[in-house]
C-alpha atoms as a PDB file:
ATOM      1  CA  MET A   1      73.153 126.560  72.700  1.00  0.00           C
ATOM      2  CA  ASN A   2      73.264 127.235  76.419  1.00  0.00           C
ATOM      3  CA  SER A   3      76.556 125.746  77.661  1.00  0.00           C
ATOM      4  CA  ASP A   4      76.677 127.430  81.079  1.00  0.00           C
ATOM      5  CA  PRO A   5      77.369 124.707  83.733  1.00  0.00           C
ATOM      6  CA  ARG A   6      75.608 126.856  86.346  1.00  0.00           C
ATOM      7  CA  ASN A   7      72.314 126.581  84.464  1.00  0.00           C
ATOM      8  CA  PRO A   8      70.323 123.393  85.188  1.00  0.00           C
ATOM      9  CA  ASP A   9      68.290 123.880  81.995  1.00  0.00           C
ATOM     10  CA  ARG A  10      71.192 123.418  79.587  1.00  0.00           C
ATOM     11  CA  ALA A  11      70.259 122.850  75.968  1.00  0.00           C
ATOM     12  CA  ASP A  12      72.844 120.089  75.491  1.00  0.00           C
ATOM     13  CA  GLY A  13      70.735 117.615  77.464  1.00  0.00           C
ATOM     14  CA  SER A  14      73.092 117.163  80.430  1.00  0.00           C
ATOM     15  CA  ALA A  15      70.328 118.016  82.904  1.00  0.00           C
ATOM     16  CA  SER A  16      68.141 115.182  81.627  1.00  0.00           C
ATOM     17  CA  ALA A  17      71.077 112.760  81.421  1.00  0.00           C
ATOM     18  CA  PHE A  18      72.032 113.566  85.015  1.00  0.00           C
ATOM     19  CA  PRO A  19      68.776 114.627  86.692  1.00  0.00           C
ATOM     20  CA  ASN A  20      70.315 114.972  90.159  1.00  0.00           C
ATOM     21  CA  LEU A  21      73.511 116.779  89.150  1.00  0.00           C
ATOM     22  CA  PHE A  22      72.123 120.262  89.707  1.00  0.00           C
ATOM     23  CA  GLN A  23      69.981 119.352  92.715  1.00  0.00           C
ATOM     24  CA  PRO A  24      71.023 120.578  96.179  1.00  0.00           C
ATOM     25  CA  LEU A  25      72.428 118.129  98.721  1.00  0.00           C
ATOM     26  CA  GLN A  26      72.486 118.346 102.516  1.00  0.00           C
ATOM     27  CA  ILE A  27      75.549 116.940 104.316  1.00  0.00           C
ATOM     28  CA  ARG A  28      75.198 117.322 108.070  1.00  0.00           C
ATOM     29  CA  GLY A  29      74.838 121.091 108.662  1.00  0.00           C
ATOM     30  CA  VAL A  30      75.987 122.132 105.184  1.00  0.00           C
ATOM     31  CA  ARG A  31      73.847 122.508 102.068  1.00  0.00           C
ATOM     32  CA  LEU A  32      75.488 122.110  98.653  1.00  0.00           C
ATOM     33  CA  LYS A  33      73.827 123.984  95.798  1.00  0.00           C
ATOM     34  CA  ASN A  34      74.572 121.102  93.388  1.00  0.00           C
ATOM     35  CA  ARG A  35      76.425 117.768  93.196  1.00  0.00           C
ATOM     36  CA  ILE A  36      79.461 119.099  91.303  1.00  0.00           C
ATOM     37  CA  MET A  37      82.613 118.514  93.365  1.00  0.00           C
ATOM     38  CA  SER A  38      86.226 119.524  92.828  1.00  0.00           C
ATOM     39  CA  THR A  39      88.136 116.797  94.661  1.00  0.00           C
ATOM     40  CA  GLY A  40      91.371 117.368  96.544  1.00  0.00           C
ATOM     41  CA  HIS A  41      94.496 117.350  94.387  1.00  0.00           C
ATOM     42  CA  ASP A  42      98.035 118.705  94.506  1.00  0.00           C
ATOM     43  CA  THR A  43      98.544 122.025  92.733  1.00  0.00           C
ATOM     44  CA  THR A  44     102.214 122.808  93.619  1.00  0.00           C
ATOM     45  CA  LEU A  45     100.999 126.383  94.203  1.00  0.00           C
ATOM     46  CA  PRO A  46     101.560 126.785  97.982  1.00  0.00           C
ATOM     47  CA  THR A  47     104.672 128.522  99.247  1.00  0.00           C
ATOM     48  CA  ASP A  48     106.022 128.326 102.798  1.00  0.00           C
ATOM     49  CA  GLY A  49     103.314 125.814 103.658  1.00  0.00           C
ATOM     50  CA  LEU A  50     100.575 128.451 103.533  1.00  0.00           C
ATOM     51  CA  VAL A  51      97.619 129.323 101.315  1.00  0.00           C
ATOM     52  CA  ASN A  52      98.673 132.124  98.961  1.00  0.00           C
ATOM     53  CA  GLU A  53      96.847 134.336  96.483  1.00  0.00           C
ATOM     54  CA  ALA A  54      97.591 131.978  93.584  1.00  0.00           C
ATOM     55  CA  LEU A  55      95.829 129.121  95.361  1.00  0.00           C
ATOM     56  CA  VAL A  56      92.889 131.346  96.301  1.00  0.00           C
ATOM     57  CA  ALA A  57      92.524 132.455  92.668  1.00  0.00           C
ATOM     58  CA  TYR A  58      92.815 128.849  91.444  1.00  0.00           C
ATOM     59  CA  HIS A  59      89.903 127.682  93.581  1.00  0.00           C
ATOM     60  CA  GLU A  60      87.837 130.843  93.188  1.00  0.00           C
ATOM     61  CA  ALA A  61      87.829 130.281  89.417  1.00  0.00           C
ATOM     62  CA  ARG A  62      86.170 126.915  89.986  1.00  0.00           C
ATOM     63  CA  ALA A  63      83.702 128.384  92.437  1.00  0.00           C
ATOM     64  CA  ARG A  64      82.843 131.116  89.948  1.00  0.00           C
ATOM     65  CA  GLY A  65      82.279 128.452  87.301  1.00  0.00           C
ATOM     66  CA  GLY A  66      79.530 126.838  89.349  1.00  0.00           C
ATOM     67  CA  VAL A  67      81.166 124.097  91.432  1.00  0.00           C
ATOM     68  CA  GLY A  68      79.088 123.249  94.514  1.00  0.00           C
ATOM     69  CA  LEU A  69      81.905 121.808  96.661  1.00  0.00           C
ATOM     70  CA  ILE A  70      85.651 122.345  96.599  1.00  0.00           C
ATOM     71  CA  VAL A  71      87.937 120.096  98.624  1.00  0.00           C
ATOM     72  CA  SER A  72      91.308 121.805  98.968  1.00  0.00           C
ATOM     73  CA  GLN A  73      94.512 119.812  98.730  1.00  0.00           C
ATOM     74  CA  VAL A  74      96.129 117.994 101.647  1.00  0.00           C
ATOM     75  CA  ALA A  75      97.184 119.933 104.743  1.00  0.00           C
ATOM     76  CA  GLY A  76      99.758 118.312 107.009  1.00  0.00           C
ATOM     77  CA  VAL A  77      98.748 117.740 110.631  1.00  0.00           C
ATOM     78  CA  HIS A  78     102.218 117.089 112.097  1.00  0.00           C
ATOM     79  CA  GLU A  79     105.772 118.122 111.252  1.00  0.00           C
ATOM     80  CA  THR A  80     106.493 114.555 110.099  1.00  0.00           C
ATOM     81  CA  ALA A  81     103.721 114.925 107.491  1.00  0.00           C
ATOM     82  CA  ARG A  82     105.894 116.986 105.118  1.00  0.00           C
ATOM     83  CA  TYR A  83     106.071 114.677 102.100  1.00  0.00           C
ATOM     84  CA  THR A  84     106.907 117.320  99.470  1.00  0.00           C
ATOM     85  CA  SER A  85     108.447 120.782  99.532  1.00  0.00           C
ATOM     86  CA  HIS A  86     105.268 122.446  98.216  1.00  0.00           C
ATOM     87  CA  MET A  87     102.516 121.188 100.520  1.00  0.00           C
ATOM     88  CA  LEU A  88     100.193 123.041 102.860  1.00  0.00           C
ATOM     89  CA  MET A  89     100.629 122.714 106.615  1.00  0.00           C
ATOM     90  CA  ALA A  90      97.947 123.154 109.280  1.00  0.00           C
ATOM     91  CA  THR A  91     100.226 122.796 112.289  1.00  0.00           C
ATOM     92  CA  GLU A  92     100.209 126.447 113.402  1.00  0.00           C
ATOM     93  CA  ASP A  93      97.586 129.167 113.750  1.00  0.00           C
ATOM     94  CA  ALA A  94      99.447 131.155 111.084  1.00  0.00           C
ATOM     95  CA  CYS A  95      97.608 129.056 108.488  1.00  0.00           C
ATOM     96  CA  ILE A  96      94.174 130.357 109.515  1.00  0.00           C
ATOM     97  CA  GLU A  97      94.337 133.693 107.685  1.00  0.00           C
ATOM     98  CA  GLY A  98      95.054 132.120 104.289  1.00  0.00           C
ATOM     99  CA  TYR A  99      92.344 129.511 104.651  1.00  0.00           C
ATOM    100  CA  ARG A 100      89.908 132.236 105.682  1.00  0.00           C
ATOM    101  CA  ARG A 101      90.659 134.157 102.473  1.00  0.00           C
ATOM    102  CA  LEU A 102      90.089 130.962 100.498  1.00  0.00           C
ATOM    103  CA  ALA A 103      86.779 130.290 102.235  1.00  0.00           C
ATOM    104  CA  GLU A 104      85.540 133.851 101.767  1.00  0.00           C
ATOM    105  CA  ALA A 105      86.444 133.873  98.062  1.00  0.00           C
ATOM    106  CA  CYS A 106      84.583 130.621  97.371  1.00  0.00           C
ATOM    107  CA  HIS A 107      81.645 131.366  99.670  1.00  0.00           C
ATOM    108  CA  GLY A 108      81.115 134.540  97.661  1.00  0.00           C
ATOM    109  CA  HIS A 109      80.056 132.329  94.754  1.00  0.00           C
ATOM    110  CA  GLY A 110      77.861 130.028  96.843  1.00  0.00           C
ATOM    111  CA  CYS A 111      80.510 127.299  96.942  1.00  0.00           C
ATOM    112  CA  VAL A 112      81.184 125.124  99.999  1.00  0.00           C
ATOM    113  CA  VAL A 113      84.834 124.510 100.986  1.00  0.00           C
ATOM    114  CA  PHE A 114      86.440 121.574 102.800  1.00  0.00           C
ATOM    115  CA  SER A 115      90.130 120.870 103.383  1.00  0.00           C
ATOM    116  CA  GLN A 116      91.882 117.528 103.372  1.00  0.00           C
ATOM    117  CA  LEU A 117      93.754 116.617 106.580  1.00  0.00           C
ATOM    118  CA  PHE A 118      96.793 114.497 105.953  1.00  0.00           C
ATOM    119  CA  HIS A 119      99.732 112.429 107.105  1.00  0.00           C
ATOM    120  CA  PRO A 120     101.621 110.353 104.517  1.00  0.00           C
ATOM    121  CA  GLY A 121     103.270 107.895 106.892  1.00  0.00           C
ATOM    122  CA  ARG A 122     105.968 106.128 104.878  1.00  0.00           C
ATOM    123  CA  GLU A 123     104.939 107.777 101.567  1.00  0.00           C
ATOM    124  CA  ILE A 124     107.640 110.455 101.616  1.00  0.00           C
ATOM    125  CA  MET A 125     109.043 111.970  98.418  1.00  0.00           C
ATOM    126  CA  GLU A 126     111.025 114.838  99.928  1.00  0.00           C
ATOM    127  CA  GLY A 127     111.056 117.053 102.997  1.00  0.00           C
ATOM    128  CA  GLY A 128     110.380 120.767 103.263  1.00  0.00           C
ATOM    129  CA  ASP A 129     113.933 121.542 102.124  1.00  0.00           C
ATOM    130  CA  GLY A 130     113.793 119.156  99.170  1.00  0.00           C
ATOM    131  CA  LEU A 131     115.905 116.493 100.885  1.00  0.00           C
ATOM    132  CA  LEU A 132     114.665 113.045 101.854  1.00  0.00           C
ATOM    133  CA  THR A 133     113.516 113.115 105.460  1.00  0.00           C
ATOM    134  CA  VAL A 134     112.837 110.420 108.054  1.00  0.00           C
ATOM    135  CA  ALA A 135     109.509 108.672 107.490  1.00  0.00           C
ATOM    136  CA  TYR A 136     107.310 107.149 110.182  1.00  0.00           C
ATOM    137  CA  ALA A 137     104.767 104.368 109.786  1.00  0.00           C
ATOM    138  CA  PRO A 138     102.846 101.834 111.875  1.00  0.00           C
ATOM    139  CA  SER A 139     105.604  99.267 111.260  1.00  0.00           C
ATOM    140  CA  VAL A 140     109.011  98.998 109.635  1.00  0.00           C
ATOM    141  CA  SER A 141     107.498  98.075 106.262  1.00  0.00           C
ATOM    142  CA  PRO A 142     109.372  99.420 103.214  1.00  0.00           C
ATOM    143  CA  ASN A 143     107.860 101.519 100.459  1.00  0.00           C
ATOM    144  CA  GLU A 144     108.555 100.204  96.953  1.00  0.00           C
ATOM    145  CA  ARG A 145     107.947 103.365  94.950  1.00  0.00           C
ATOM    146  CA  PHE A 146     110.079 105.869  96.893  1.00  0.00           C
ATOM    147  CA  ARG A 147     112.546 103.324  98.340  1.00  0.00           C
ATOM    148  CA  VAL A 148     111.703 104.406 101.895  1.00  0.00           C
ATOM    149  CA  MET A 149     112.329 102.324 105.022  1.00  0.00           C
ATOM    150  CA  PRO A 150     110.268 104.003 107.761  1.00  0.00           C
ATOM    151  CA  ARG A 151     110.698 104.009 111.501  1.00  0.00           C
ATOM    152  CA  GLN A 152     107.898 102.582 113.622  1.00  0.00           C
ATOM    153  CA  LEU A 153     105.693 105.132 115.361  1.00  0.00           C
ATOM    154  CA  ASP A 154     105.824 104.943 119.140  1.00  0.00           C
ATOM    155  CA  GLN A 155     102.891 105.803 121.399  1.00  0.00           C
ATOM    156  CA  ARG A 156     104.090 109.364 121.988  1.00  0.00           C
ATOM    157  CA  MET A 157     104.170 110.153 118.274  1.00  0.00           C
ATOM    158  CA  ILE A 158     100.827 108.475 117.651  1.00  0.00           C
ATOM    159  CA  ASP A 159      99.304 110.658 120.368  1.00  0.00           C
ATOM    160  CA  GLU A 160     100.921 113.762 118.835  1.00  0.00           C
ATOM    161  CA  ILE A 161      99.588 112.986 115.361  1.00  0.00           C
ATOM    162  CA  VAL A 162      96.080 112.226 116.639  1.00  0.00           C
ATOM    163  CA  ALA A 163      96.114 115.540 118.515  1.00  0.00           C
ATOM    164  CA  GLY A 164      97.420 117.171 115.337  1.00  0.00           C
ATOM    165  CA  TYR A 165      94.323 116.096 113.433  1.00  0.00           C
ATOM    166  CA  GLY A 166      92.158 117.730 116.074  1.00  0.00           C
ATOM    167  CA  GLU A 167      94.156 120.954 116.100  1.00  0.00           C
ATOM    168  CA  ALA A 168      94.219 121.150 112.298  1.00  0.00           C
ATOM    169  CA  ALA A 169      90.442 120.723 112.202  1.00  0.00           C
ATOM    170  CA  ARG A 170      90.057 123.471 114.789  1.00  0.00           C
ATOM    171  CA  ARG A 171      92.087 125.811 112.592  1.00  0.00           C
ATOM    172  CA  MET A 172      89.952 125.016 109.548  1.00  0.00           C
ATOM    173  CA  HIS A 173      86.833 125.653 111.608  1.00  0.00           C
ATOM    174  CA  GLU A 174      88.206 128.988 112.815  1.00  0.00           C
ATOM    175  CA  ALA A 175      89.017 129.862 109.187  1.00  0.00           C
ATOM    176  CA  ARG A 176      85.300 129.358 108.424  1.00  0.00           C
ATOM    177  CA  LEU A 177      85.714 126.337 106.198  1.00  0.00           C
ATOM    178  CA  ASP A 178      82.652 124.111 106.114  1.00  0.00           C
ATOM    179  CA  GLY A 179      84.322 120.782 106.795  1.00  0.00           C
ATOM    180  CA  VAL A 180      87.375 118.563 106.492  1.00  0.00           C
ATOM    181  CA  GLU A 181      88.233 115.328 104.716  1.00  0.00           C
ATOM    182  CA  PHE A 182      90.313 112.712 106.559  1.00  0.00           C
ATOM    183  CA  VAL A 183      92.707 111.323 103.934  1.00  0.00           C
ATOM    184  CA  ALA A 184      92.829 107.536 104.338  1.00  0.00           C
ATOM    185  CA  SER A 185      93.323 106.828 100.629  1.00  0.00           C
ATOM    186  CA  HIS A 186      96.272 105.927  98.390  1.00  0.00           C
ATOM    187  CA  GLY A 187      98.292 104.060 100.995  1.00  0.00           C
ATOM    188  CA  TYR A 188      98.838 107.056 103.286  1.00  0.00           C
ATOM    189  CA  LEU A 189      99.180 106.749 107.073  1.00  0.00           C
ATOM    190  CA  PRO A 190      95.603 105.761 108.027  1.00  0.00           C
ATOM    191  CA  ALA A 191      95.592 103.199 105.199  1.00  0.00           C
ATOM    192  CA  GLN A 192      98.906 101.840 106.471  1.00  0.00           C
ATOM    193  CA  PHE A 193      97.280 101.245 109.857  1.00  0.00           C
ATOM    194  CA  PHE A 194      94.284  99.582 108.152  1.00  0.00           C
ATOM    195  CA  ASN A 195      96.403  97.192 106.072  1.00  0.00           C
ATOM    196  CA  PRO A 196      97.387  93.924 107.817  1.00  0.00           C
ATOM    197  CA  ARG A 197     100.174  93.388 105.272  1.00  0.00           C
ATOM    198  CA  VAL A 198     101.766  96.725 106.228  1.00  0.00           C
ATOM    199  CA  ASN A 199     100.712  97.070 109.878  1.00  0.00           C
ATOM    200  CA  ARG A 200     102.566  94.348 111.787  1.00  0.00           C
ATOM    201  CA  ARG A 201     102.153  95.889 115.231  1.00  0.00           C
ATOM    202  CA  THR A 202     101.421  93.684 118.223  1.00  0.00           C
ATOM    203  CA  ASP A 203     100.040  96.440 120.468  1.00  0.00           C
ATOM    204  CA  GLY A 204      96.560  98.008 120.529  1.00  0.00           C
ATOM    205  CA  TYR A 205      97.036  99.584 117.064  1.00  0.00           C
ATOM    206  CA  GLY A 206      97.582  96.334 115.186  1.00  0.00           C
ATOM    207  CA  GLY A 207      96.482  92.743 114.924  1.00  0.00           C
ATOM    208  CA  SER A 208      92.691  92.618 114.945  1.00  0.00           C
ATOM    209  CA  PRO A 209      90.494  94.724 112.648  1.00  0.00           C
ATOM    210  CA  GLU A 210      89.510  96.781 115.694  1.00  0.00           C
ATOM    211  CA  GLY A 211      93.151  97.413 116.535  1.00  0.00           C
ATOM    212  CA  ARG A 212      94.004  98.451 112.975  1.00  0.00           C
ATOM    213  CA  LEU A 213      91.035 100.866 113.002  1.00  0.00           C
ATOM    214  CA  ARG A 214      92.022 102.428 116.321  1.00  0.00           C
ATOM    215  CA  PHE A 215      94.284 105.156 114.901  1.00  0.00           C
ATOM    216  CA  ALA A 216      91.638 106.392 112.462  1.00  0.00           C
ATOM    217  CA  SER A 217      88.929 106.202 115.110  1.00  0.00           C
ATOM    218  CA  GLU A 218      90.971 108.276 117.558  1.00  0.00           C
ATOM    219  CA  ALA A 219      91.852 110.838 114.876  1.00  0.00           C
ATOM    220  CA  LEU A 220      88.227 111.214 113.730  1.00  0.00           C
ATOM    221  CA  LYS A 221      87.048 111.614 117.321  1.00  0.00           C
ATOM    222  CA  ALA A 222      89.699 114.306 117.866  1.00  0.00           C
ATOM    223  CA  ILE A 223      88.472 116.119 114.751  1.00  0.00           C
ATOM    224  CA  ARG A 224      84.861 115.984 115.877  1.00  0.00           C
ATOM    225  CA  ALA A 225      85.724 117.137 119.414  1.00  0.00           C
ATOM    226  CA  SER A 226      87.595 120.179 118.038  1.00  0.00           C
ATOM    227  CA  THR A 227      84.804 121.483 115.796  1.00  0.00           C
ATOM    228  CA  SER A 228      81.109 122.354 115.905  1.00  0.00           C
ATOM    229  CA  GLU A 229      78.018 120.178 115.592  1.00  0.00           C
ATOM    230  CA  ASP A 230      77.291 121.246 111.988  1.00  0.00           C
ATOM    231  CA  PHE A 231      80.917 120.938 110.776  1.00  0.00           C
ATOM    232  CA  VAL A 232      81.283 118.205 108.141  1.00  0.00           C
ATOM    233  CA  VAL A 233      83.778 115.364 108.633  1.00  0.00           C
ATOM    234  CA  GLY A 234      84.362 113.035 105.695  1.00  0.00           C
ATOM    235  CA  MET A 235      86.920 110.431 104.688  1.00  0.00           C
ATOM    236  CA  ARG A 236      88.675 109.658 101.429  1.00  0.00           C
ATOM    237  CA  ILE A 237      89.541 106.001 100.888  1.00  0.00           C
ATOM    238  CA  SER A 238      90.707 103.819  98.019  1.00  0.00           C
ATOM    239  CA  ALA A 239      88.006 101.248  97.285  1.00  0.00           C
ATOM    240  CA  SER A 240      90.870  99.108  96.018  1.00  0.00           C
ATOM    241  CA  GLU A 241      94.540 100.020  96.133  1.00  0.00           C
ATOM    242  CA  ARG A 242      95.053  97.853  93.022  1.00  0.00           C
ATOM    243  CA  ASP A 243      98.313  96.442  94.340  1.00  0.00           C
ATOM    244  CA  GLU A 244      99.098  92.893  95.482  1.00  0.00           C
ATOM    245  CA  HIS A 245      99.978  94.145  98.975  1.00  0.00           C
ATOM    246  CA  GLY A 246      97.314  96.862  99.057  1.00  0.00           C
ATOM    247  CA  LEU A 247      93.873  97.089 100.598  1.00  0.00           C
ATOM    248  CA  THR A 248      91.173  95.142  98.793  1.00  0.00           C
ATOM    249  CA  MET A 249      87.623  96.250  98.092  1.00  0.00           C
ATOM    250  CA  ASP A 250      86.228  93.913 100.760  1.00  0.00           C
ATOM    251  CA  GLU A 251      88.635  95.360 103.326  1.00  0.00           C
ATOM    252  CA  ALA A 252      87.730  98.924 102.330  1.00  0.00           C
ATOM    253  CA  LEU A 253      84.013  98.153 102.680  1.00  0.00           C
ATOM    254  CA  ASP A 254      84.555  96.723 106.165  1.00  0.00           C
ATOM    255  CA  ILE A 255      86.539  99.834 107.145  1.00  0.00           C
ATOM    256  CA  CYS A 256      83.811 102.175 105.908  1.00  0.00           C
ATOM    257  CA  ARG A 257      81.107 100.242 107.744  1.00  0.00           C
ATOM    258  CA  ALA A 258      83.097 100.297 110.989  1.00  0.00           C
ATOM    259  CA  LEU A 259      83.844 104.044 110.805  1.00  0.00           C
ATOM    260  CA  GLU A 260      80.409 105.083 109.517  1.00  0.00           C
ATOM    261  CA  PRO A 261      79.219 106.474 112.903  1.00  0.00           C
ATOM    262  CA  LEU A 262      82.126 108.948 112.856  1.00  0.00           C
ATOM    263  CA  LEU A 263      81.641 110.139 109.256  1.00  0.00           C
ATOM    264  CA  ASP A 264      79.264 112.337 107.273  1.00  0.00           C
ATOM    265  CA  TYR A 265      80.401 111.125 103.838  1.00  0.00           C
ATOM    266  CA  VAL A 266      82.959 108.905 102.106  1.00  0.00           C
ATOM    267  CA  ASN A 267      84.910 109.999  99.012  1.00  0.00           C
ATOM    268  CA  VAL A 268      85.858 106.873  97.051  1.00  0.00           C
ATOM    269  CA  THR A 269      88.938 106.670  94.842  1.00  0.00           C
ATOM    270  CA  ALA A 270      91.474 103.955  93.927  1.00  0.00           C
ATOM    271  CA  GLY A 271      95.180 103.185  93.854  1.00  0.00           C
ATOM    272  CA  THR A 272      98.099 103.537  96.233  1.00  0.00           C
ATOM    273  CA  SER A 273     101.184 105.705  96.368  1.00  0.00           C
ATOM    274  CA  ALA A 274     103.220 102.761  97.653  1.00  0.00           C
ATOM    275  CA  SER A 275     103.978 101.122  94.294  1.00  0.00           C
ATOM    276  CA  ALA A 276     104.361 102.105  90.661  1.00  0.00           C
ATOM    277  CA  GLY A 277     101.513  99.784  89.692  1.00  0.00           C
ATOM    278  CA  GLY A 278      99.173 101.222  92.304  1.00  0.00           C
ATOM    279  CA  ALA A 279     100.171 104.851  91.765  1.00  0.00           C
ATOM    280  CA  VAL A 280      99.134 104.874  88.096  1.00  0.00           C
ATOM    281  CA  HIS A 281      95.506 104.867  89.274  1.00  0.00           C
ATOM    282  CA  ILE A 282      95.920 108.075  91.312  1.00  0.00           C
ATOM    283  CA  VAL A 283      96.388 110.175  88.171  1.00  0.00           C
ATOM    284  CA  PRO A 284      95.682 107.765  85.285  1.00  0.00           C
ATOM    285  CA  PRO A 285      97.314 108.369  81.888  1.00  0.00           C
ATOM    286  CA  MET A 286      95.095 109.980  79.261  1.00  0.00           C
ATOM    287  CA  ALA A 287      94.993 106.669  77.371  1.00  0.00           C
ATOM    288  CA  TYR A 288      92.808 105.202  80.124  1.00  0.00           C
ATOM    289  CA  ARG A 289      89.075 105.206  79.454  1.00  0.00           C
ATOM    290  CA  SER A 290      87.259 107.970  81.352  1.00  0.00           C
ATOM    291  CA  ALA A 291      85.607 106.824  84.582  1.00  0.00           C
ATOM    292  CA  TYR A 292      87.070 103.322  84.191  1.00  0.00           C
ATOM    293  CA  LEU A 293      86.858 102.832  87.962  1.00  0.00           C
ATOM    294  CA  ALA A 294      83.233 103.924  88.339  1.00  0.00           C
END
């Protein structure tokens, strides 16, 4: 039996069961060889906030196996984005070399590479030194899961973070990645701005749906302005945060419709990091039925 996932004529019938799986797909200026995607996820492999050889080898193995698109794990866009001691940072040009090695390794197998761009807001587990650091969010709204009481972002810090998204995207573009994914899922900073039960601001970043979308809109525009015409810009969002205080599916749909002109694709997931009940859907236990959220 032919069990090679790179072969669209597999004898096990997967090609007929999923007729589009091995078909190419065009996203803006980038052509994927198939519809197989390795979504962004934490690996705990990075050291010193930079891409290392272990992370390159990890993703190259997937590219060699036939994956059409790899989305690398979150990269922080501002110093206040350090939510664990083992995350990637895209706040300095020193990150470009490692990302370029990653892109070259995966491109060698015909695989497209994006990177997630990230700020956790109040969802802080630990700082770069392993200690709990100060968290910032749209409002002083506590986090249940990590017992965090954040400080409210002022205009200066909002401007810095928005600019950080643009600069991080520029670095990914210079590293020859094919695109970036704006992480607005799982209750992280953009989702905190979206959520009227978390965002209690009374200025231009809160209140109305337009106000709560302003941060994401400014960040996405900064990303687009810092990259080229064919560079892909997507967004990851939880269709439902599955938490009583989280974003609902109707709210997520409205957000996607409003931001559609700024996006090339949307990556849909579920759950939130803000609560134990919501977080179980980020990495579900093995007892859960496969694709139960599809």
